[in-house]
């Protein structure tokens, strides 16, 4: 009888470990999907700037993904690109019951330029579990816990075109 009881206890501990592993695996999968989506959004903005290289500095900003999501179809040029990217960061690509439900949780974007013409596109979002605080400043102070903030950055050289 004692052997059966010990076997049941050991089996219970093993099954609880498997359940915890499965739960953690789900969180890791969601975090990986968010990181992939953030990379795709950063690449999208870099491609928009490359396509409109003469006006690339007009894309600079640190407020992408904030505020009310607006209709972008009637806005021309750079402002349309900015509006569409901001809406994508806010999750406008997917809605459930009239509520925005995009991949990134509280997505934000920043576009910066240095004097050499290098553009840096940063995407920040809230992760599901605490890790290290990111070194990049995009979205700093916008989340309840800085250890939950995630950032990804892509850069490209976009020197001004001269005749």
N, C-alpha and C. Protein backbone atom coordinates (compact mmCIF):
# COMPACT_ATOMS: atom_id res chain seq x y z
N UNK A 1 0.82 -1.19 0.00
CA UNK A 1 0.00 0.00 0.00
C UNK A 1 0.87 1.26 0.00
N UNK A 2 1.95 1.25 0.78
CA UNK A 2 2.84 2.40 0.84
C UNK A 2 3.49 2.62 -0.51
N UNK A 3 3.84 1.55 -1.23
CA UNK A 3 4.45 1.68 -2.55
C UNK A 3 3.51 2.38 -3.52
N UNK A 4 2.23 2.05 -3.44
CA UNK A 4 1.24 2.68 -4.31
C UNK A 4 1.12 4.16 -3.97
N UNK A 5 1.11 4.50 -2.71
CA UNK A 5 1.03 5.89 -2.27
C UNK A 5 2.24 6.69 -2.73
N UNK A 6 3.44 6.14 -2.59
CA UNK A 6 4.66 6.81 -3.04
C UNK A 6 4.63 6.99 -4.55
N UNK A 7 4.16 5.98 -5.28
CA UNK A 7 4.06 6.06 -6.74
C UNK A 7 3.10 7.17 -7.15
N UNK A 8 2.00 7.28 -6.47
CA UNK A 8 1.02 8.33 -6.78
C UNK A 8 1.62 9.71 -6.51
N UNK A 9 2.34 9.87 -5.42
CA UNK A 9 2.98 11.16 -5.09
C UNK A 9 4.01 11.52 -6.15
N UNK A 10 4.85 10.57 -6.52
CA UNK A 10 5.87 10.83 -7.55
C UNK A 10 5.23 11.16 -8.91
N UNK A 11 4.19 10.45 -9.25
CA UNK A 11 3.49 10.72 -10.50
C UNK A 11 2.85 12.10 -10.48
N UNK A 12 2.30 12.48 -9.33
CA UNK A 12 1.69 13.82 -9.20
C UNK A 12 2.72 14.92 -9.37
N UNK A 13 3.88 14.75 -8.74
CA UNK A 13 4.95 15.75 -8.87
C UNK A 13 5.41 15.84 -10.32
N UNK A 14 5.56 14.71 -10.99
CA UNK A 14 5.96 14.71 -12.39
C UNK A 14 4.93 15.39 -13.28
N UNK A 15 3.66 15.13 -13.07
CA UNK A 15 2.60 15.75 -13.87
C UNK A 15 2.51 17.26 -13.62
N UNK A 16 2.75 17.68 -12.38
CA UNK A 16 2.75 19.12 -12.10
C UNK A 16 3.93 19.79 -12.81
N UNK A 17 5.07 19.13 -12.85
CA UNK A 17 6.21 19.65 -13.58
C UNK A 17 5.92 19.76 -15.07
N UNK A 18 5.28 18.77 -15.64
CA UNK A 18 4.90 18.83 -17.06
C UNK A 18 3.91 19.96 -17.34
N UNK A 19 2.96 20.16 -16.43
CA UNK A 19 1.99 21.25 -16.61
C UNK A 19 2.69 22.61 -16.57
N UNK A 20 3.65 22.77 -15.65
CA UNK A 20 4.39 24.03 -15.57
C UNK A 20 5.23 24.24 -16.81
N UNK A 21 5.84 23.18 -17.31
CA UNK A 21 6.63 23.27 -18.53
C UNK A 21 5.77 23.67 -19.73
N UNK A 22 4.59 23.09 -19.82
CA UNK A 22 3.66 23.42 -20.92
C UNK A 22 3.24 24.88 -20.84
N UNK A 23 2.95 25.35 -19.64
CA UNK A 23 2.56 26.74 -19.45
C UNK A 23 3.67 27.69 -19.85
N UNK A 24 4.88 27.40 -19.40
CA UNK A 24 6.04 28.25 -19.74
C UNK A 24 6.32 28.22 -21.24
N UNK A 25 6.13 27.07 -21.86
CA UNK A 25 6.31 26.96 -23.30
C UNK A 25 5.34 27.84 -24.07
N UNK A 26 4.12 27.95 -23.58
CA UNK A 26 3.14 28.83 -24.22
C UNK A 26 3.54 30.29 -24.13
N UNK A 27 4.05 30.71 -22.97
CA UNK A 27 4.50 32.09 -22.79
C UNK A 27 5.68 32.38 -23.71
N UNK A 28 6.63 31.45 -23.79
CA UNK A 28 7.79 31.63 -24.66
C UNK A 28 7.37 31.73 -26.12
N UNK A 29 6.40 30.93 -26.52
CA UNK A 29 5.92 30.98 -27.91
C UNK A 29 5.27 32.32 -28.23
N UNK A 30 4.49 32.85 -27.30
CA UNK A 30 3.86 34.16 -27.51
C UNK A 30 4.92 35.25 -27.57
N UNK A 31 5.91 35.20 -26.68
CA UNK A 31 6.99 36.20 -26.70
C UNK A 31 7.75 36.15 -28.03
N UNK A 32 8.00 34.96 -28.55
CA UNK A 32 8.70 34.82 -29.82
C UNK A 32 7.87 35.38 -30.97
N UNK A 33 6.57 35.13 -30.93
CA UNK A 33 5.68 35.66 -31.97
C UNK A 33 5.65 37.19 -31.92
N UNK A 34 5.64 37.76 -30.71
CA UNK A 34 5.65 39.21 -30.57
C UNK A 34 6.95 39.79 -31.12
N UNK A 35 8.07 39.17 -30.82
CA UNK A 35 9.37 39.65 -31.31
C UNK A 35 9.42 39.59 -32.84
N UNK A 36 8.91 38.52 -33.41
CA UNK A 36 8.87 38.40 -34.87
C UNK A 36 8.00 39.49 -35.48
N UNK A 37 6.86 39.74 -34.88
CA UNK A 37 5.96 40.79 -35.38
C UNK A 37 6.61 42.17 -35.26
N UNK A 38 7.31 42.41 -34.16
CA UNK A 38 8.01 43.68 -33.98
C UNK A 38 9.09 43.86 -35.05
N UNK A 39 9.82 42.81 -35.36
CA UNK A 39 10.84 42.88 -36.42
C UNK A 39 10.21 43.18 -37.77
N UNK A 40 9.07 42.56 -38.05
CA UNK A 40 8.37 42.82 -39.32
C UNK A 40 7.90 44.27 -39.40
N UNK A 41 7.41 44.80 -38.29
CA UNK A 41 6.97 46.20 -38.27
C UNK A 41 8.15 47.16 -38.45
N UNK A 42 9.27 46.87 -37.81
CA UNK A 42 10.46 47.72 -37.96
C UNK A 42 10.96 47.68 -39.41
N UNK A 43 10.98 46.49 -39.99
CA UNK A 43 11.40 46.36 -41.39
C UNK A 43 10.44 47.10 -42.32
N UNK A 44 9.15 47.07 -42.02
CA UNK A 44 8.15 47.78 -42.81
C UNK A 44 8.45 49.28 -42.84
N UNK A 45 8.78 49.85 -41.68
CA UNK A 45 9.08 51.29 -41.65
C UNK A 45 10.36 51.60 -42.40
N UNK A 46 11.38 50.75 -42.26
CA UNK A 46 12.62 50.99 -43.02
C UNK A 46 12.36 50.95 -44.53
N UNK A 47 11.53 50.03 -44.97
CA UNK A 47 11.19 49.95 -46.40
C UNK A 47 10.41 51.19 -46.86
N UNK A 48 9.53 51.69 -46.02
CA UNK A 48 8.79 52.91 -46.35
C UNK A 48 9.76 54.09 -46.51
N UNK A 49 10.76 54.16 -45.63
CA UNK A 49 11.74 55.25 -45.72
C UNK A 49 12.65 55.08 -46.93
N UNK A 50 13.03 53.86 -47.24
CA UNK A 50 13.85 53.64 -48.44
C UNK A 50 13.09 54.01 -49.71
N UNK A 51 11.80 53.74 -49.73
CA UNK A 51 10.99 54.06 -50.90
C UNK A 51 10.80 55.56 -51.07
N UNK A 52 10.95 56.30 -49.99
CA UNK A 52 10.75 57.75 -50.01
C UNK A 52 12.00 58.43 -49.46
N UNK A 53 13.16 58.03 -49.95
CA UNK A 53 14.45 58.46 -49.40
C UNK A 53 14.63 59.98 -49.32
N UNK A 54 14.21 60.77 -50.31
CA UNK A 54 14.41 62.22 -50.19
C UNK A 54 13.71 62.83 -48.97
N UNK A 55 12.62 62.22 -48.52
CA UNK A 55 11.88 62.76 -47.38
C UNK A 55 12.04 61.91 -46.13
N UNK A 56 13.04 61.05 -46.11
CA UNK A 56 13.24 60.14 -44.97
C UNK A 56 13.30 60.84 -43.61
N UNK A 57 13.98 61.99 -43.47
CA UNK A 57 14.02 62.64 -42.15
C UNK A 57 12.64 63.02 -41.60
N UNK A 58 11.65 63.14 -42.47
CA UNK A 58 10.30 63.49 -42.01
C UNK A 58 9.64 62.34 -41.23
N UNK A 59 10.23 61.16 -41.28
CA UNK A 59 9.68 60.02 -40.55
C UNK A 59 10.10 60.00 -39.09
N UNK A 60 11.04 60.85 -38.69
CA UNK A 60 11.53 60.86 -37.31
C UNK A 60 10.39 61.14 -36.35
N UNK A 61 10.39 60.41 -35.25
CA UNK A 61 9.36 60.62 -34.23
C UNK A 61 9.43 59.55 -33.16
N UNK A 62 8.83 59.84 -32.02
CA UNK A 62 8.84 58.88 -30.92
C UNK A 62 7.45 58.59 -30.39
N UNK A 63 6.43 58.96 -31.16
CA UNK A 63 5.07 58.80 -30.68
C UNK A 63 4.23 57.83 -31.51
N UNK A 64 4.88 57.02 -32.31
CA UNK A 64 4.14 56.07 -33.14
C UNK A 64 3.42 55.04 -32.25
N UNK A 65 2.19 54.72 -32.61
CA UNK A 65 1.42 53.73 -31.86
C UNK A 65 0.65 54.29 -30.69
N UNK A 66 0.77 55.60 -30.44
CA UNK A 66 0.04 56.21 -29.34
C UNK A 66 -1.14 57.00 -29.91
N UNK A 67 -2.05 57.33 -29.08
CA UNK A 67 -3.19 58.13 -29.51
C UNK A 67 -4.26 57.29 -30.19
N UNK A 68 -5.22 58.00 -30.76
CA UNK A 68 -6.37 57.36 -31.42
C UNK A 68 -5.96 56.88 -32.81
N UNK A 69 -6.40 55.69 -33.18
CA UNK A 69 -6.13 55.16 -34.51
C UNK A 69 -7.07 55.85 -35.49
N UNK A 70 -6.48 56.50 -36.50
CA UNK A 70 -7.26 57.26 -37.47
C UNK A 70 -7.29 56.54 -38.82
N UNK A 71 -8.24 56.91 -39.65
CA UNK A 71 -8.29 56.40 -41.02
C UNK A 71 -7.19 57.10 -41.81
N UNK A 72 -6.39 56.33 -42.51
CA UNK A 72 -5.21 56.89 -43.18
C UNK A 72 -5.37 57.03 -44.69
N UNK A 73 -6.47 56.56 -45.25
CA UNK A 73 -6.60 56.48 -46.71
C UNK A 73 -6.57 57.83 -47.41
N UNK A 74 -7.02 58.89 -46.76
CA UNK A 74 -7.08 60.19 -47.45
C UNK A 74 -5.85 61.07 -47.18
N UNK A 75 -4.91 60.57 -46.40
CA UNK A 75 -3.71 61.34 -46.05
C UNK A 75 -2.64 61.06 -47.09
N UNK A 76 -1.98 62.09 -47.63
CA UNK A 76 -0.96 61.86 -48.67
C UNK A 76 0.45 61.65 -48.11
N UNK A 77 1.31 61.03 -48.91
CA UNK A 77 2.76 60.96 -48.71
C UNK A 77 3.25 60.40 -47.39
N UNK A 78 4.24 61.09 -46.83
CA UNK A 78 4.90 60.66 -45.60
C UNK A 78 3.90 60.55 -44.46
N UNK A 79 2.97 61.48 -44.38
CA UNK A 79 1.99 61.45 -43.30
C UNK A 79 1.13 60.19 -43.36
N UNK A 80 0.87 59.71 -44.56
CA UNK A 80 0.10 58.46 -44.71
C UNK A 80 0.92 57.28 -44.20
N UNK A 81 2.19 57.23 -44.57
CA UNK A 81 3.06 56.15 -44.07
C UNK A 81 3.13 56.18 -42.54
N UNK A 82 3.30 57.37 -41.98
CA UNK A 82 3.37 57.52 -40.53
C UNK A 82 2.07 57.04 -39.87
N UNK A 83 0.94 57.43 -40.45
CA UNK A 83 -0.37 57.06 -39.93
C UNK A 83 -0.56 55.54 -40.00
N UNK A 84 -0.22 54.93 -41.12
CA UNK A 84 -0.40 53.49 -41.28
C UNK A 84 0.49 52.70 -40.34
N UNK A 85 1.73 53.15 -40.17
CA UNK A 85 2.64 52.44 -39.28
C UNK A 85 2.20 52.58 -37.82
N UNK A 86 1.74 53.76 -37.47
CA UNK A 86 1.24 53.99 -36.11
C UNK A 86 0.03 53.10 -35.83
N UNK A 87 -0.86 52.98 -36.81
CA UNK A 87 -2.05 52.13 -36.66
C UNK A 87 -1.64 50.66 -36.53
N UNK A 88 -0.65 50.23 -37.30
CA UNK A 88 -0.19 48.84 -37.22
C UNK A 88 0.40 48.55 -35.84
N UNK A 89 1.16 49.50 -35.29
CA UNK A 89 1.72 49.32 -33.95
C UNK A 89 0.62 49.25 -32.89
N UNK A 90 -0.45 50.00 -33.11
CA UNK A 90 -1.56 50.01 -32.15
C UNK A 90 -2.43 48.77 -32.27
N UNK A 91 -2.22 47.96 -33.32
CA UNK A 91 -2.98 46.73 -33.47
C UNK A 91 -4.17 46.83 -34.38
N UNK A 92 -4.21 47.84 -35.26
CA UNK A 92 -5.36 48.05 -36.12
C UNK A 92 -5.53 46.97 -37.19
N UNK A 93 -4.53 46.14 -37.39
CA UNK A 93 -4.63 45.10 -38.41
C UNK A 93 -5.58 43.98 -38.02
N UNK A 94 -5.96 43.91 -36.76
CA UNK A 94 -6.83 42.84 -36.29
C UNK A 94 -7.74 43.38 -35.19
N UNK A 95 -9.02 43.07 -35.28
CA UNK A 95 -9.97 43.53 -34.27
C UNK A 95 -10.88 42.37 -33.86
N UNK A 96 -11.20 42.34 -32.58
CA UNK A 96 -12.12 41.34 -32.05
C UNK A 96 -13.21 42.09 -31.31
N UNK A 97 -14.43 41.97 -31.78
CA UNK A 97 -15.55 42.66 -31.14
C UNK A 97 -15.40 44.16 -31.11
N UNK A 98 -14.82 44.76 -32.17
CA UNK A 98 -14.63 46.20 -32.24
C UNK A 98 -13.43 46.70 -31.45
N UNK A 99 -12.70 45.81 -30.81
CA UNK A 99 -11.52 46.20 -30.01
C UNK A 99 -10.26 45.77 -30.75
N UNK A 100 -9.27 46.66 -30.83
CA UNK A 100 -8.02 46.35 -31.50
C UNK A 100 -7.32 45.19 -30.79
N UNK A 101 -6.88 44.21 -31.59
CA UNK A 101 -6.28 43.02 -30.99
C UNK A 101 -5.05 42.57 -31.77
N UNK A 102 -4.21 43.53 -32.13
CA UNK A 102 -3.00 43.19 -32.87
C UNK A 102 -2.04 42.36 -32.04
N UNK A 103 -0.96 41.95 -32.66
CA UNK A 103 0.00 41.04 -32.02
C UNK A 103 0.74 41.67 -30.84
N UNK A 104 1.13 42.94 -30.97
CA UNK A 104 1.93 43.57 -29.91
C UNK A 104 1.03 44.15 -28.83
N UNK A 105 1.43 43.93 -27.59
CA UNK A 105 0.71 44.50 -26.46
C UNK A 105 1.30 45.87 -26.17
N UNK A 106 0.50 46.91 -26.34
CA UNK A 106 0.94 48.29 -26.12
C UNK A 106 2.15 48.65 -26.98
N UNK A 107 2.06 48.35 -28.28
CA UNK A 107 3.16 48.63 -29.20
C UNK A 107 3.40 50.12 -29.40
N UNK A 108 4.66 50.49 -29.46
CA UNK A 108 5.09 51.87 -29.72
C UNK A 108 6.25 51.82 -30.68
N UNK A 109 6.46 52.92 -31.40
CA UNK A 109 7.58 52.98 -32.32
C UNK A 109 8.30 54.31 -32.26
N UNK A 110 9.59 54.26 -32.55
CA UNK A 110 10.43 55.45 -32.58
C UNK A 110 11.32 55.36 -33.82
N UNK A 111 11.51 56.50 -34.47
CA UNK A 111 12.41 56.58 -35.62
C UNK A 111 13.39 57.71 -35.34
N UNK A 112 14.69 57.38 -35.42
CA UNK A 112 15.72 58.36 -35.13
C UNK A 112 16.74 58.38 -36.26
N UNK A 113 17.39 59.53 -36.44
CA UNK A 113 18.44 59.68 -37.44
C UNK A 113 19.67 60.28 -36.78
N UNK A 114 20.85 59.87 -37.25
CA UNK A 114 22.07 60.53 -36.79
C UNK A 114 22.59 61.44 -37.90
N UNK A 115 23.67 62.12 -37.65
CA UNK A 115 24.19 63.10 -38.61
C UNK A 115 24.72 62.46 -39.89
N UNK A 116 25.07 61.17 -39.84
CA UNK A 116 25.60 60.48 -41.02
C UNK A 116 24.49 59.94 -41.92
N UNK A 117 23.24 60.12 -41.51
CA UNK A 117 22.12 59.64 -42.32
C UNK A 117 21.69 58.22 -42.00
N UNK A 118 22.12 57.70 -40.87
CA UNK A 118 21.69 56.36 -40.46
C UNK A 118 20.37 56.46 -39.72
N UNK A 119 19.41 55.69 -40.20
CA UNK A 119 18.09 55.66 -39.57
C UNK A 119 18.03 54.47 -38.62
N UNK A 120 17.45 54.68 -37.45
CA UNK A 120 17.23 53.61 -36.49
C UNK A 120 15.74 53.56 -36.20
N UNK A 121 15.15 52.40 -36.48
CA UNK A 121 13.73 52.18 -36.21
C UNK A 121 13.65 51.25 -35.00
N UNK A 122 12.95 51.71 -33.98
CA UNK A 122 12.82 50.96 -32.74
C UNK A 122 11.35 50.66 -32.50
N UNK A 123 11.06 49.42 -32.16
CA UNK A 123 9.71 49.03 -31.77
C UNK A 123 9.77 48.56 -30.33
N UNK A 124 8.87 49.08 -29.51
CA UNK A 124 8.78 48.69 -28.10
C UNK A 124 7.39 48.12 -27.83
N UNK A 125 7.31 47.18 -26.93
CA UNK A 125 6.04 46.59 -26.55
C UNK A 125 6.17 46.00 -25.15
N UNK A 126 5.03 45.60 -24.59
CA UNK A 126 5.04 45.00 -23.26
C UNK A 126 5.07 43.49 -23.40
N UNK A 127 6.05 42.87 -22.73
CA UNK A 127 6.15 41.43 -22.73
C UNK A 127 5.23 40.81 -21.68
N UNK A 128 5.32 39.49 -21.56
CA UNK A 128 4.44 38.77 -20.64
C UNK A 128 5.08 38.43 -19.30
N UNK A 129 6.41 38.47 -19.25
CA UNK A 129 7.10 38.17 -18.00
C UNK A 129 8.30 39.11 -17.86
N UNK A 130 8.67 39.37 -16.65
CA UNK A 130 9.76 40.32 -16.37
C UNK A 130 11.11 39.73 -16.76
N UNK A 131 11.92 40.56 -17.41
CA UNK A 131 13.29 40.20 -17.76
C UNK A 131 14.18 41.40 -17.40
N UNK A 132 15.24 41.62 -18.15
CA UNK A 132 16.08 42.80 -17.93
C UNK A 132 15.47 44.03 -18.58
N UNK A 133 15.73 45.18 -17.99
CA UNK A 133 15.28 46.44 -18.58
C UNK A 133 16.08 46.73 -19.84
N UNK A 134 15.40 47.03 -20.98
CA UNK A 134 16.12 47.30 -22.22
C UNK A 134 16.95 48.58 -22.15
N UNK A 135 18.03 48.62 -22.91
CA UNK A 135 18.90 49.79 -22.94
C UNK A 135 18.33 50.89 -23.82
N UNK A 136 17.51 50.55 -24.80
CA UNK A 136 16.94 51.55 -25.71
C UNK A 136 15.86 52.36 -24.99
N UNK A 137 15.76 53.64 -25.34
CA UNK A 137 14.85 54.55 -24.65
C UNK A 137 13.42 54.56 -25.18
N UNK A 138 13.18 54.02 -26.35
CA UNK A 138 11.84 54.07 -26.94
C UNK A 138 10.83 53.42 -25.99
N UNK A 139 9.81 54.17 -25.62
CA UNK A 139 8.76 53.67 -24.74
C UNK A 139 9.12 53.70 -23.26
N UNK A 140 10.28 54.23 -22.92
CA UNK A 140 10.68 54.27 -21.50
C UNK A 140 9.66 55.09 -20.72
N UNK A 141 9.21 54.54 -19.61
CA UNK A 141 8.24 55.22 -18.75
C UNK A 141 6.79 55.03 -19.18
N UNK A 142 6.56 54.35 -20.29
CA UNK A 142 5.19 54.16 -20.78
C UNK A 142 4.56 52.87 -20.27
N UNK A 143 5.36 52.05 -19.60
CA UNK A 143 4.87 50.76 -19.11
C UNK A 143 5.02 50.72 -17.60
N UNK A 144 4.17 49.96 -16.94
CA UNK A 144 4.17 49.92 -15.48
C UNK A 144 5.49 49.40 -14.91
N UNK A 145 6.09 48.44 -15.58
CA UNK A 145 7.34 47.84 -15.11
C UNK A 145 8.31 47.82 -16.28
N UNK A 146 9.42 48.50 -16.14
CA UNK A 146 10.41 48.58 -17.22
C UNK A 146 10.99 47.21 -17.58
N UNK A 147 10.93 46.27 -16.65
CA UNK A 147 11.43 44.92 -16.95
C UNK A 147 10.47 44.14 -17.84
N UNK A 148 9.27 44.66 -18.02
CA UNK A 148 8.29 44.03 -18.92
C UNK A 148 8.39 44.64 -20.33
N UNK A 149 9.07 45.77 -20.45
CA UNK A 149 9.20 46.44 -21.75
C UNK A 149 10.22 45.70 -22.61
N UNK A 150 9.85 45.46 -23.85
CA UNK A 150 10.74 44.83 -24.82
C UNK A 150 11.02 45.83 -25.93
N UNK A 151 12.21 45.79 -26.49
CA UNK A 151 12.54 46.65 -27.63
C UNK A 151 13.32 45.86 -28.66
N UNK A 152 13.17 46.28 -29.89
CA UNK A 152 13.95 45.73 -30.99
C UNK A 152 14.29 46.91 -31.89
N UNK A 153 15.48 46.91 -32.44
CA UNK A 153 15.91 48.03 -33.28
C UNK A 153 16.54 47.52 -34.57
N UNK A 154 16.23 48.19 -35.66
CA UNK A 154 16.88 47.95 -36.95
C UNK A 154 17.42 49.27 -37.45
N UNK A 155 18.58 49.23 -38.09
CA UNK A 155 19.14 50.45 -38.62
C UNK A 155 19.51 50.26 -40.08
N UNK A 156 19.55 51.37 -40.79
CA UNK A 156 19.93 51.36 -42.20
C UNK A 156 20.53 52.71 -42.53
N UNK A 157 21.49 52.69 -43.43
CA UNK A 157 22.10 53.92 -43.89
C UNK A 157 21.23 54.54 -44.98
N UNK A 158 20.75 55.72 -44.73
CA UNK A 158 19.91 56.43 -45.68
C UNK A 158 20.49 57.83 -45.91
N UNK A 159 21.70 57.93 -46.49
CA UNK A 159 22.28 59.25 -46.69
C UNK A 159 21.44 60.06 -47.66
N UNK A 160 21.46 61.37 -47.51
CA UNK A 160 20.66 62.20 -48.41
C UNK A 160 21.12 62.06 -49.85
N UNK A 161 20.14 62.09 -50.75
CA UNK A 161 20.45 62.03 -52.17
C UNK A 161 20.90 63.41 -52.66
N UNK A 162 22.01 63.46 -53.35
CA UNK A 162 22.50 64.73 -53.88
C UNK A 162 22.68 64.58 -55.39
N UNK A 163 22.35 65.64 -56.13
CA UNK A 163 22.46 65.55 -57.59
C UNK A 163 23.90 65.53 -58.08
